[in-house]
Protein backbone atom coordinates (compact mmCIF):
# COMPACT_ATOMS: atom_id res chain seq x y z
CA MET A 1 -47.42 -20.67 20.46
CA SER A 2 -47.00 -21.85 24.06
CA GLU A 3 -44.29 -20.45 26.34
CA ALA A 4 -42.33 -23.70 25.99
CA GLU A 5 -42.54 -23.53 22.18
CA ALA A 6 -41.46 -19.89 22.23
CA ALA A 7 -38.49 -20.73 24.47
CA THR A 8 -37.45 -23.56 22.14
CA ALA A 9 -37.63 -21.23 19.12
CA VAL A 10 -35.51 -18.60 20.88
CA ASN A 11 -33.03 -21.32 21.93
CA VAL A 12 -32.62 -22.57 18.35
CA ALA A 13 -32.02 -19.06 17.01
CA GLY A 14 -29.82 -18.16 19.97
CA LYS A 15 -27.77 -21.35 19.66
CA LEU A 16 -26.90 -20.23 16.15
CA GLY A 17 -26.18 -16.64 17.23
CA PHE A 18 -29.36 -15.13 15.79
CA LYS A 19 -32.00 -13.00 17.46
CA ASP A 20 -35.47 -11.71 16.75
CA GLY A 21 -35.36 -9.43 13.71
CA ASP A 22 -32.22 -10.89 12.10
CA LEU A 23 -32.46 -11.68 8.39
CA VAL A 24 -31.36 -15.19 7.44
CA GLN A 25 -31.21 -16.52 3.89
CA GLU A 26 -31.71 -20.21 3.21
CA LEU A 27 -29.85 -21.92 0.38
CA GLY A 28 -29.96 -25.55 -0.71
CA TYR A 29 -33.56 -26.08 0.41
CA ASP A 30 -35.01 -29.45 -0.63
CA ASP A 31 -37.59 -31.92 0.62
CA ASP A 32 -35.06 -33.55 2.98
CA VAL A 33 -34.41 -30.50 5.19
CA ASP A 34 -35.39 -30.58 8.86
CA PHE A 35 -38.76 -28.82 8.82
CA ASP A 36 -39.09 -28.70 12.62
CA PHE A 37 -35.70 -27.02 12.91
CA ARG A 38 -36.63 -24.50 10.18
CA GLU A 39 -39.92 -23.67 11.90
CA GLU A 40 -38.26 -23.18 15.28
CA LEU A 41 -35.60 -20.97 13.72
CA GLU A 42 -38.21 -18.85 11.92
CA ASP A 43 -40.15 -18.49 15.16
CA GLY A 44 -36.98 -17.32 16.94
CA LEU A 45 -36.25 -14.83 14.15
CA GLY A 46 -39.82 -13.60 14.06
CA ALA A 47 -39.79 -13.93 10.26
CA GLU A 48 -39.55 -16.47 7.46
CA LEU A 49 -36.18 -17.45 6.08
CA LEU A 50 -35.30 -15.56 2.91
CA THR A 51 -34.98 -17.56 -0.31
CA GLU A 52 -32.22 -17.81 -2.89
CA ASP A 53 -34.07 -15.16 -4.94
CA ASP A 54 -34.06 -12.51 -2.19
CA GLN A 55 -31.45 -9.78 -2.60
CA ASP A 56 -31.46 -8.31 0.93
CA VAL A 57 -28.23 -7.98 2.89
CA VAL A 58 -28.52 -10.70 5.53
CA ASP A 59 -27.14 -11.41 9.00
CA GLY A 60 -26.69 -15.08 8.24
CA VAL A 61 -27.02 -17.83 5.66
CA MET A 62 -28.26 -21.36 6.26
CA LEU A 63 -26.75 -23.59 3.56
CA TRP A 64 -28.16 -27.12 3.36
CA TRP A 65 -25.49 -29.22 1.63
CA ARG A 66 -25.31 -32.89 0.67
CA ASN A 67 -22.64 -35.00 -0.98
CA GLY A 68 -23.44 -34.84 -4.69
CA ASP A 69 -24.89 -31.31 -4.62
CA GLY A 70 -22.01 -29.99 -6.72
CA ASP A 71 -18.94 -27.96 -5.81
CA LEU A 72 -18.92 -26.95 -2.15
CA VAL A 73 -16.43 -24.12 -2.71
CA ASP A 74 -18.72 -22.55 -5.33
CA ALA A 75 -21.73 -22.92 -3.02
CA LEU A 76 -19.88 -21.26 -0.13
CA VAL A 77 -18.75 -18.37 -2.36
CA ASP A 78 -22.36 -17.95 -3.54
CA ALA A 79 -23.50 -17.94 0.10
CA LEU A 80 -21.36 -14.84 0.70
CA THR A 81 -23.16 -12.81 -1.98
CA SER A 82 -25.85 -11.40 0.32
CA LEU A 83 -23.99 -11.75 3.63
CA GLY A 84 -23.47 -8.51 5.53
CA ALA A 85 -20.31 -7.57 7.44
CA GLY A 86 -19.96 -9.75 10.50
CA GLY A 87 -22.48 -12.26 9.13
CA VAL A 88 -22.15 -15.99 9.51
CA VAL A 89 -22.74 -18.99 7.25
CA TRP A 90 -24.15 -22.10 8.90
CA LEU A 91 -23.36 -25.11 6.71
CA LEU A 92 -25.87 -27.89 7.39
CA THR A 93 -24.79 -31.36 6.32
CA PRO A 94 -26.34 -34.80 6.91
CA LYS A 95 -24.90 -36.58 9.93
CA SER A 96 -22.60 -39.58 9.53
CA GLY A 97 -24.43 -42.62 8.20
CA ARG A 98 -27.17 -40.53 6.61
CA PRO A 99 -27.72 -40.24 2.84
CA GLY A 100 -25.66 -37.36 1.45
CA TYR A 101 -23.14 -37.37 4.33
CA VAL A 102 -20.33 -34.84 3.85
CA SER A 103 -17.02 -35.50 5.56
CA PRO A 104 -15.79 -32.78 7.95
CA ALA A 105 -12.48 -32.98 6.04
CA ASP A 106 -14.33 -31.87 2.89
CA VAL A 107 -15.72 -28.86 4.76
CA GLN A 108 -12.29 -28.00 6.22
CA GLU A 109 -10.78 -28.18 2.74
CA ALA A 110 -13.46 -26.10 0.98
CA ALA A 111 -13.97 -23.33 3.55
CA PRO A 112 -10.53 -21.63 3.28
CA THR A 113 -10.70 -21.69 -0.52
CA ALA A 114 -14.00 -19.77 -0.24
CA GLY A 115 -12.43 -17.27 2.19
CA LEU A 116 -14.08 -18.79 5.27
CA HIS A 117 -13.00 -20.68 8.33
CA SER A 118 -14.83 -22.96 10.71
CA THR A 119 -15.30 -21.67 14.24
CA SER A 120 -17.70 -24.16 15.83
CA SER A 121 -20.31 -26.80 15.19
CA ALA A 122 -23.74 -27.55 16.60
CA GLY A 123 -26.10 -30.49 16.52
CA VAL A 124 -29.27 -28.95 15.17
CA SER A 125 -31.35 -32.07 14.61
CA ARG A 126 -31.24 -35.84 14.57
CA GLU A 127 -30.43 -35.81 10.86
CA TRP A 128 -28.27 -32.71 10.33
CA SER A 129 -25.06 -31.22 11.71
CA ALA A 130 -24.22 -27.54 11.49
CA THR A 131 -20.80 -25.94 11.02
CA ARG A 132 -20.37 -22.20 11.68
CA LEU A 133 -18.25 -20.50 9.03
CA VAL A 134 -17.07 -16.90 9.15
CA SER A 135 -15.10 -14.69 6.82
CA ARG A 136 -11.35 -14.62 7.25
CA ARG A 137 -11.41 -10.92 6.38
CA LYS A 138 -11.15 -8.53 9.29
CA GLN A 139 -14.63 -7.22 10.03
């Protein structure tokens, strides 16, 4: 990996609040995810993303979610299963005009029901938006 590629990988992880050595679980993986984004994130973490089957306590969860994937509240609750104290859920949804677009109002409605609240958002790719969700419980 070149210095520029390494810097990009660190920037992607850092933009999401992750650092080398953090454990991040990926949920909702399908063939429409942003593979370049995933690769840069894994490079910044220094490890592969954990799968839905991994049982480790994680520092963060990346949840790819599309309209029609089911119940968002249930998916967010499931995302908390392996999340450690102080961990964060990044909800990745297709951008407006893309297949599977999820309205920000839907996210704002589902998050509190799952015990989460939105703190920020980030553009992570041309196709996907990311919303940072954290527990409402005091950490």
